Protein backbone atom coordinates (compact mmCIF):
# COMPACT_ATOMS: atom_id res chain seq x y z
CA MET A 1 155.11 123.46 16.98
CA ALA A 2 157.85 125.34 18.92
CA ILE A 3 156.92 123.71 22.22
CA ASP A 4 156.96 120.16 20.88
CA ALA A 5 160.27 120.70 19.08
CA ALA A 6 161.99 121.83 22.28
CA GLY A 7 160.98 118.79 24.30
CA SER A 8 162.09 119.25 27.92
CA ASP A 9 164.90 121.68 27.04
CA ARG A 10 163.73 125.02 28.52
CA ALA A 11 166.50 127.01 26.81
CA ALA A 12 165.51 125.53 23.44
CA LEU A 13 161.88 126.34 24.20
CA VAL A 14 162.75 129.99 24.79
CA LYS A 15 164.73 130.12 21.56
CA ASN A 16 161.93 128.50 19.54
CA LEU A 17 159.19 130.72 21.01
CA GLU A 18 161.19 133.88 20.39
CA ALA A 19 161.79 132.76 16.79
CA TYR A 20 158.05 132.21 16.38
CA LEU A 21 157.28 135.69 17.73
CA LYS A 22 159.81 137.21 15.38
CA GLN A 23 158.08 135.55 12.45
CA TYR A 24 154.54 136.23 13.72
CA PRO A 25 154.77 139.39 15.89
CA ASP A 26 150.99 139.91 15.92
CA ALA A 27 149.98 136.32 16.64
CA LYS A 28 146.76 136.01 18.58
CA SER A 29 148.45 133.50 20.85
CA ARG A 30 150.93 136.12 22.13
CA PRO A 31 149.54 136.12 25.72
CA GLN A 32 149.99 132.36 26.00
CA ILE A 33 153.46 132.57 24.41
CA TYR A 34 154.56 135.38 26.76
CA ARG A 35 153.36 133.36 29.74
CA ALA A 36 155.26 130.28 28.52
CA LEU A 37 158.38 132.41 28.06
CA VAL A 38 158.10 133.81 31.57
CA GLU A 39 157.81 130.31 33.03
CA ALA A 40 160.66 128.92 30.91
CA ASP A 41 162.97 131.87 31.69
CA LEU A 42 162.32 131.43 35.40
CA GLN A 43 163.19 127.74 35.13
CA ILE A 44 166.55 128.55 33.53
CA GLN A 45 167.02 131.45 35.99
CA ASP A 46 167.07 134.14 33.32
CA ASN A 47 165.18 136.65 35.44
CA ALA A 48 165.91 139.63 33.20
CA HIS A 49 164.16 138.00 30.23
CA ALA A 50 161.38 136.75 32.51
CA ALA A 51 160.78 140.35 33.62
CA GLU A 52 160.73 141.53 30.01
CA TYR A 53 158.02 139.06 28.98
CA ALA A 54 156.09 139.56 32.21
CA GLU A 55 155.88 143.27 31.37
CA ARG A 56 154.77 142.48 27.83
CA LEU A 57 152.01 140.28 29.21
CA VAL A 58 150.95 142.98 31.66
CA ALA A 59 150.69 145.42 28.76
CA LEU A 60 148.33 143.03 26.98
CA ALA A 61 146.39 142.01 30.09
CA PRO A 62 146.61 144.84 32.68
CA GLU A 63 143.90 143.16 34.75
CA ASP A 64 146.17 140.15 35.41
CA MET A 65 147.24 141.07 38.95
CA SER A 66 149.22 137.89 39.61
CA MET A 67 151.43 138.55 36.57
CA THR A 68 151.70 142.23 37.52
CA LEU A 69 152.97 141.25 40.98
CA LEU A 70 155.45 138.83 39.42
CA ALA A 71 156.69 141.60 37.13
CA ILE A 72 157.16 143.88 40.16
CA GLN A 73 159.17 141.25 42.02
CA LEU A 74 161.38 140.53 39.01
CA LEU A 75 162.02 144.21 38.34
CA GLU A 76 162.81 144.80 42.02
CA ARG A 77 165.30 141.95 42.00
CA ASN A 78 167.13 142.80 38.79
CA GLY A 79 166.26 146.29 37.63
CA ASP A 80 167.99 149.66 37.49
CA ASP A 81 166.28 152.87 38.61
CA ALA A 82 164.11 152.99 35.49
CA ALA A 83 162.95 149.42 36.08
CA LEU A 84 162.31 150.16 39.75
CA LYS A 85 160.20 153.17 38.80
CA ARG A 86 158.14 151.00 36.44
CA ALA A 87 157.72 148.47 39.24
CA GLU A 88 156.54 151.26 41.54
CA ASN A 89 153.94 152.28 38.95
CA TYR A 90 152.77 148.67 38.66
CA ALA A 91 152.42 148.51 42.44
CA THR A 92 150.24 151.62 42.37
CA ARG A 93 148.12 149.94 39.71
CA VAL A 94 147.66 146.90 41.96
CA LEU A 95 146.68 149.12 44.90
CA ASP A 96 144.10 150.87 42.71
CA PHE A 97 142.73 147.48 41.71
CA ILE A 98 142.48 146.44 45.36
CA ALA A 99 140.73 149.70 46.24
CA ARG A 100 138.15 149.15 43.46
CA SER A 101 137.47 145.53 44.34
CA SER A 102 134.10 144.74 45.90
CA PRO A 103 132.97 141.91 48.17
CA ASP A 104 129.95 141.47 45.89
CA GLY A 105 132.05 139.37 43.54
CA ARG A 106 133.42 136.98 46.16
CA SER A 107 132.80 133.25 46.12
CA PRO A 108 129.69 132.09 48.02
CA ARG A 109 132.02 129.95 50.11
CA VAL A 110 133.94 133.04 51.32
CA SER A 111 132.33 135.01 54.14
CA LEU A 112 132.38 138.80 54.18
CA LYS A 113 134.74 138.73 57.17
CA GLU A 114 137.15 136.41 55.36
CA TRP A 115 137.03 138.58 52.23
CA GLU A 116 137.76 141.73 54.24
CA ALA A 117 140.67 140.06 56.04
CA GLU A 118 142.19 138.96 52.73
CA HIS A 119 141.57 142.41 51.24
CA HIS A 120 143.46 144.05 54.11
CA ARG A 121 146.33 141.55 53.85
CA ASP A 122 146.67 142.25 50.13
CA GLU A 123 146.69 146.00 50.63
CA MET A 124 149.18 145.74 53.49
CA SER A 125 151.54 143.55 51.45
CA VAL A 126 151.50 145.73 48.33
CA LEU A 127 152.07 148.90 50.35
CA LEU A 128 155.05 147.18 51.92
CA LEU A 129 156.31 146.19 48.47
CA ARG A 130 155.90 149.70 47.07
CA GLY A 131 157.65 151.12 50.13
CA ARG A 132 160.67 148.91 49.47
CA LEU A 133 160.79 150.14 45.89
CA ALA A 134 160.65 153.77 47.05
CA MET A 135 163.55 153.11 49.44
CA LYS A 136 165.63 151.66 46.62
CA LEU A 137 164.80 154.79 44.61
CA LYS A 138 166.04 156.83 47.61
CA ASP A 139 162.63 158.42 48.18
CA SER A 140 162.50 157.96 51.94
CA ASP A 141 159.43 160.19 52.41
CA ALA A 142 157.33 158.12 49.98
CA ALA A 143 158.70 154.92 51.53
CA ALA A 144 157.81 156.06 55.06
CA LYS A 145 154.29 156.94 53.94
CA ASP A 146 153.74 153.47 52.45
CA PHE A 147 155.32 151.61 55.40
CA SER A 148 153.20 153.64 57.84
CA ALA A 149 150.03 152.92 55.85
CA SER A 150 150.91 149.22 55.69
CA TYR A 151 151.51 149.12 59.45
CA ALA A 152 148.25 150.95 60.16
CA ILE A 153 146.29 148.33 58.19
CA GLN A 154 148.03 145.40 59.85
CA PRO A 155 151.11 145.81 62.07
CA SER A 156 154.11 143.87 60.79
CA ALA A 157 157.73 143.53 61.80
CA ALA A 158 158.85 144.25 58.23
CA ALA A 159 157.09 147.64 58.07
CA ALA A 160 158.23 148.66 61.57
CA GLU A 161 161.83 147.70 60.84
CA LYS A 162 161.89 149.75 57.63
CA LEU A 163 160.39 152.74 59.46
CA GLY A 164 163.14 152.32 62.04
CA GLU A 165 165.79 152.36 59.31
CA ILE A 166 164.35 155.56 57.83
CA SER A 167 164.25 157.26 61.23
CA GLU A 168 167.81 156.14 61.93
CA MET A 169 169.00 157.61 58.62
CA LYS A 170 167.30 160.88 59.60
CA LYS A 171 169.12 160.72 62.97
CA ASP A 172 165.80 160.61 64.83
CA SER A 173 166.85 158.19 67.54
CA ALA A 174 163.56 158.30 69.47
CA ASP A 175 161.51 157.33 66.41
CA ALA A 176 164.07 154.71 65.36
CA LEU A 177 164.01 153.09 68.80
CA ARG A 178 160.21 153.02 68.88
CA GLU A 179 159.93 151.46 65.41
CA TYR A 180 162.68 148.89 66.04
CA ALA A 181 161.12 147.94 69.37
CA GLN A 182 157.78 147.35 67.67
CA ALA A 183 159.51 145.29 64.97
CA PHE A 184 161.20 143.23 67.69
CA ALA A 185 157.87 142.60 69.41
CA LEU A 186 156.19 141.56 66.14
CA ALA A 187 159.05 139.54 64.67
CA ASP A 188 157.72 136.13 65.72
CA ASN A 189 154.15 136.54 64.44
CA GLY A 190 154.80 135.42 60.88
CA ARG A 191 153.92 138.79 59.32
CA GLY A 192 157.37 139.85 58.27
CA SER A 193 160.77 138.48 57.38
CA ALA A 194 162.64 140.54 59.96
CA GLY A 195 164.74 138.52 62.41
CA ARG A 196 164.78 139.36 66.12
CA ARG A 197 168.55 139.08 66.49
CA GLU A 198 169.20 141.57 63.71
CA ILE A 199 166.51 143.99 64.95
CA ARG A 200 167.85 143.78 68.49
CA ASP A 201 171.35 144.65 67.24
CA LYS A 202 170.05 147.64 65.29
CA MET A 203 168.04 148.87 68.26
CA GLY A 204 170.91 148.41 70.71
CA ASN A 205 173.21 150.41 68.47
CA VAL A 206 170.75 153.32 68.28
CA TRP A 207 170.19 153.20 72.05
CA ARG A 208 173.93 153.38 72.81
CA LEU A 209 174.41 156.25 70.36
CA ALA A 210 171.51 158.15 71.94
CA HIS A 211 172.21 157.36 75.61
CA GLY A 212 175.92 156.65 75.77
CA SER A 213 175.42 153.18 77.29
CA GLY A 214 172.99 150.28 77.43
CA THR A 215 171.45 151.41 80.72
CA GLY A 216 167.65 151.34 80.56
CA PHE A 217 167.54 149.51 77.23
CA GLY A 218 165.99 146.34 78.63
CA ASP A 219 163.24 148.20 80.48
CA TYR A 220 162.39 150.19 77.36
CA LEU A 221 162.23 147.07 75.20
CA LEU A 222 159.94 145.28 77.65
CA GLN A 223 157.65 148.32 77.85
CA VAL A 224 157.12 148.41 74.08
CA PHE A 225 156.89 144.62 73.84
CA ASP A 226 154.10 144.57 76.43
CA GLU A 227 152.27 147.42 74.71
CA VAL A 228 152.38 145.78 71.28
CA SER A 229 151.30 142.43 72.75
CA LYS A 230 148.36 144.10 74.47
CA GLN A 231 147.27 145.80 71.25
CA GLU A 232 147.49 142.54 69.30
CA ALA A 233 145.39 140.76 71.92
CA VAL A 234 142.71 143.44 71.72
CA GLN A 235 142.71 143.34 67.91
CA ALA A 236 142.52 139.54 67.89
CA ALA A 237 139.52 139.66 70.18
CA GLY A 238 137.85 142.22 67.95
CA VAL A 239 137.22 144.52 70.92
CA PRO A 240 137.52 148.29 70.40
CA ILE A 241 139.93 150.02 72.77
CA ALA A 242 137.61 152.43 74.58
CA ASN A 243 139.94 153.20 77.46
CA ARG A 244 143.50 153.27 76.18
CA ASN A 245 146.40 153.38 78.63
CA ALA A 246 143.99 152.61 81.48
CA GLY A 247 146.77 151.33 83.75
CA ALA A 248 149.21 154.17 83.12
CA LYS A 249 150.45 155.95 86.26
CA SER A 250 152.59 158.64 84.62
CA ALA A 251 152.83 160.37 81.26
CA TYR A 252 155.79 158.16 80.32
CA ASP A 253 153.68 155.01 80.71
CA PHE A 254 151.52 156.18 77.80
CA THR A 255 151.59 155.03 74.21
CA LEU A 256 149.79 157.50 71.97
CA ARG A 257 148.88 156.98 68.31
CA ARG A 258 150.06 159.13 65.43
CA ALA A 259 146.99 161.02 64.19
CA GLU A 260 147.63 160.54 60.48
CA ASP A 261 148.06 156.77 60.48
CA GLY A 262 147.50 155.36 63.99
CA VAL A 263 151.09 154.12 64.42
CA PRO A 264 151.87 153.68 68.16
CA PHE A 265 154.00 156.39 69.78
CA PRO A 266 155.36 155.48 73.26
CA LEU A 267 156.37 158.42 75.46
CA LEU A 268 158.90 156.36 77.44
CA PRO A 269 161.86 157.36 75.16
CA PHE A 270 161.26 160.99 76.15
CA LYS A 271 161.72 160.41 79.86
CA GLY A 272 164.33 162.90 81.02
CA LYS A 273 163.39 165.42 78.33
CA VAL A 274 161.05 168.42 78.52
CA LEU A 275 157.64 167.67 76.99
CA VAL A 276 155.56 170.58 75.66
CA VAL A 277 152.03 169.39 74.89
CA ASN A 278 149.14 171.25 73.29
CA PHE A 279 145.77 169.57 73.97
CA TRP A 280 143.23 170.54 71.31
CA ALA A 281 140.10 169.53 69.37
CA THR A 282 138.94 170.14 65.80
CA TRP A 283 135.76 171.92 66.90
CA CYS A 284 137.67 174.36 69.14
CA GLY A 285 138.06 177.86 67.64
CA PRO A 286 140.63 179.07 70.21
CA CYS A 287 142.68 175.92 69.46
CA ARG A 288 142.93 176.95 65.82
CA ALA A 289 143.96 180.48 66.84
CA LEU A 290 146.60 179.25 69.31
CA ALA A 291 148.20 176.73 66.92
CA PRO A 292 150.46 179.19 65.02
CA LEU A 293 151.69 180.72 68.32
CA PHE A 294 152.54 177.26 69.67
CA GLU A 295 154.30 176.37 66.42
CA HIS A 296 156.26 179.63 66.47
CA VAL A 297 157.63 178.80 69.92
CA SER A 298 158.52 175.29 68.76
CA LEU A 299 160.68 176.74 65.97
CA ALA A 300 162.86 178.50 68.54
CA PHE A 301 163.65 175.11 70.13
CA ARG A 302 163.99 173.12 66.90
CA GLY A 303 167.70 172.45 67.46
CA ASP A 304 167.32 171.41 71.10
CA PRO A 305 167.03 167.59 71.38
CA ALA A 306 166.08 167.91 75.07
CA VAL A 307 162.75 169.61 74.27
CA VAL A 308 159.90 167.77 72.51
CA PHE A 309 156.74 169.46 71.18
CA LEU A 310 153.59 167.55 70.30
CA GLY A 311 149.90 168.08 69.79
CA ALA A 312 147.40 165.82 71.59
CA ASN A 313 144.00 165.62 69.91
CA CYS A 314 140.99 165.02 72.17
CA ASP A 315 138.14 164.61 69.65
CA GLU A 316 135.63 161.90 70.49
CA ASP A 317 135.10 161.29 66.75
CA GLU A 318 138.58 160.47 65.45
CA SER A 319 137.36 160.42 61.84
CA LEU A 320 137.25 164.24 61.94
CA VAL A 321 140.96 164.58 62.62
CA ALA A 322 142.65 163.43 59.39
CA PRO A 323 140.60 165.77 57.12
CA PHE A 324 141.26 168.63 59.54
CA LEU A 325 145.02 168.02 59.52
CA ALA A 326 145.04 167.70 55.72
CA VAL A 327 143.68 171.24 55.47
CA GLU A 328 145.60 172.85 58.34
CA GLN A 329 148.99 171.21 57.60
CA PRO A 330 150.39 171.66 61.15
CA LYS A 331 154.14 171.85 61.70
CA ILE A 332 153.84 170.00 65.03
CA ASN A 333 153.61 166.21 65.20
CA MET A 334 150.03 165.30 66.07
CA TYR A 335 148.84 162.34 68.15
CA PHE A 336 145.60 161.14 69.72
CA ALA A 337 145.59 161.90 73.46
CA ASP A 338 144.42 158.34 74.25
CA GLY A 339 143.68 159.15 77.90
CA LEU A 340 146.63 161.47 78.57
CA ASP A 341 144.09 164.27 78.91
CA ARG A 342 142.39 162.33 81.73
CA LEU A 343 145.68 161.72 83.54
CA LEU A 344 146.63 165.40 83.36
CA ALA A 345 143.13 166.67 84.27
CA ILE A 346 142.52 168.53 81.00
CA THR A 347 139.03 170.02 81.20
CA SER A 348 139.13 172.78 78.56
CA PHE A 349 140.77 173.49 75.22
CA PRO A 350 143.31 174.53 74.28
CA THR A 351 145.46 173.61 77.26
CA VAL A 352 149.24 173.80 76.96
CA LEU A 353 151.49 172.02 79.47
CA VAL A 354 155.23 171.97 80.05
CA ILE A 355 156.39 168.76 81.73
CA ASP A 356 159.93 168.92 83.12
CA ARG A 357 162.68 166.30 83.09
CA ASP A 358 161.30 164.74 86.28
CA GLY A 359 157.82 164.32 84.80
CA LYS A 360 156.26 167.23 86.71
CA ILE A 361 154.02 169.97 85.33
CA THR A 362 155.85 173.30 85.51
CA PHE A 363 153.58 175.39 83.27
CA ARG A 364 149.87 175.25 82.47
CA SER A 365 147.95 177.60 80.16
CA GLU A 366 144.23 177.18 79.52
CA GLY A 367 142.34 178.93 76.73
CA PHE A 368 143.73 181.14 73.99
CA GLY A 369 146.07 182.98 76.33
CA ASP A 370 147.18 186.60 76.56
CA ASP A 371 149.47 188.65 74.33
CA ASP A 372 152.52 187.36 76.19
CA PHE A 373 151.70 183.67 75.69
CA GLU A 374 154.77 182.98 73.52
CA LYS A 375 157.12 184.69 75.98
CA HIS A 376 155.62 182.94 78.99
CA LEU A 377 155.77 179.54 77.29
CA SER A 378 159.36 180.07 76.09
CA ASP A 379 160.47 181.17 79.55
CA ALA A 380 158.79 178.14 81.12
CA ILE A 381 160.53 175.77 78.71
CA HIS A 382 163.95 177.31 79.38
CA GLN A 383 163.37 177.06 83.12
CA ALA A 384 162.18 173.46 82.92
CA ALA A 385 165.17 172.50 80.76
CA ALA A 386 167.49 174.10 83.32
CA GLY A 387 165.62 172.54 86.25
CA GLU A 388 165.01 175.93 87.79
CA SER A 389 161.23 176.22 88.09
CA ALA A 390 159.05 175.11 90.94
CA SER A 391 157.12 172.09 89.81
CA ALA A 392 153.88 170.35 90.58
CA PRO A 393 153.65 166.54 90.26
CA ILE A 394 151.57 165.09 87.47
CA PRO A 395 148.38 163.83 89.09
CA ALA A 396 147.60 160.13 89.02
CA PRO A 397 144.22 159.12 87.55
CA GLY A 398 141.42 160.15 89.81
CA GLU A 399 143.44 162.63 91.87
């Protein structure tokens, strides 16, 4: 037998097994032979051949998820673009398998809670893996989608750091800073390979490019660190966050959540900029009518980094929001209000606010608005950016 003849010589074992397959290409023992070849090639550090036989085994046994994951890792390590694309397809196959899996088949010794936790960890890890593959294939949009989905399932330093890199490449310094700060806060929790020193260097570089100096960097980092720590504590306790940002005293103390994936979005990086916020709800007809007017105004300020537009959703049932956005395809970044509506005394929808560089409300429009809504809003933004308009302070909670 080929195995016995090779003894402990792994290279000889590979040679003998390949000779056997050449003589008997349709042998029923092919799965076992492919597995032995993968193991032997790994032992002699021939990763390219190990990947080849791992893929052959996956073709014969597509339900073998452990071998599929090994094939992905080997292709990622050694492959060209074609190999990376195959690895990406394998990762999608694993995600489909995870999505189809049911707790009904779990061991009696595994509780439902334990099974669900493991299920989420598996999904998070494979999304992270597929995101890395997409980045290597230079598909940053697909990579960002996977990293965001991975982070939404279970926040990790690795996903946040990659999202920071993508935002930095797109020259979106505010997003890059937020993602890097979250990666820094999560780096010691064992859920990612990112190192704090490296993340801190990346973040400091982006901060200096955006602000011209390191002034304010420490305060910003502590703000995000505290916010992430608070969220982790709440998640660990299994308590739903019914009153988000309860201690916030100004708009810039708030951390919202991105509506499509729940990723945290601190407003602190926008201090000193003009914020233009549209508060809306899915059930609100006037909100739907106002949206294209609001978006049209935003296009006129697209090249102005000192003006930031965002939508703040106020639905009580957050499950309604993602399907709504999938149909409407808004051009404005959408977030959950997470108590910002309470702070700013929003009582009807839609309500559009302009908040100047000092954090004061300089424009407020409630309801659908008149025919001059776009002109009035544009004028208010220009005035706030120039610091010309009379302003009213943002009320503290309860005022």
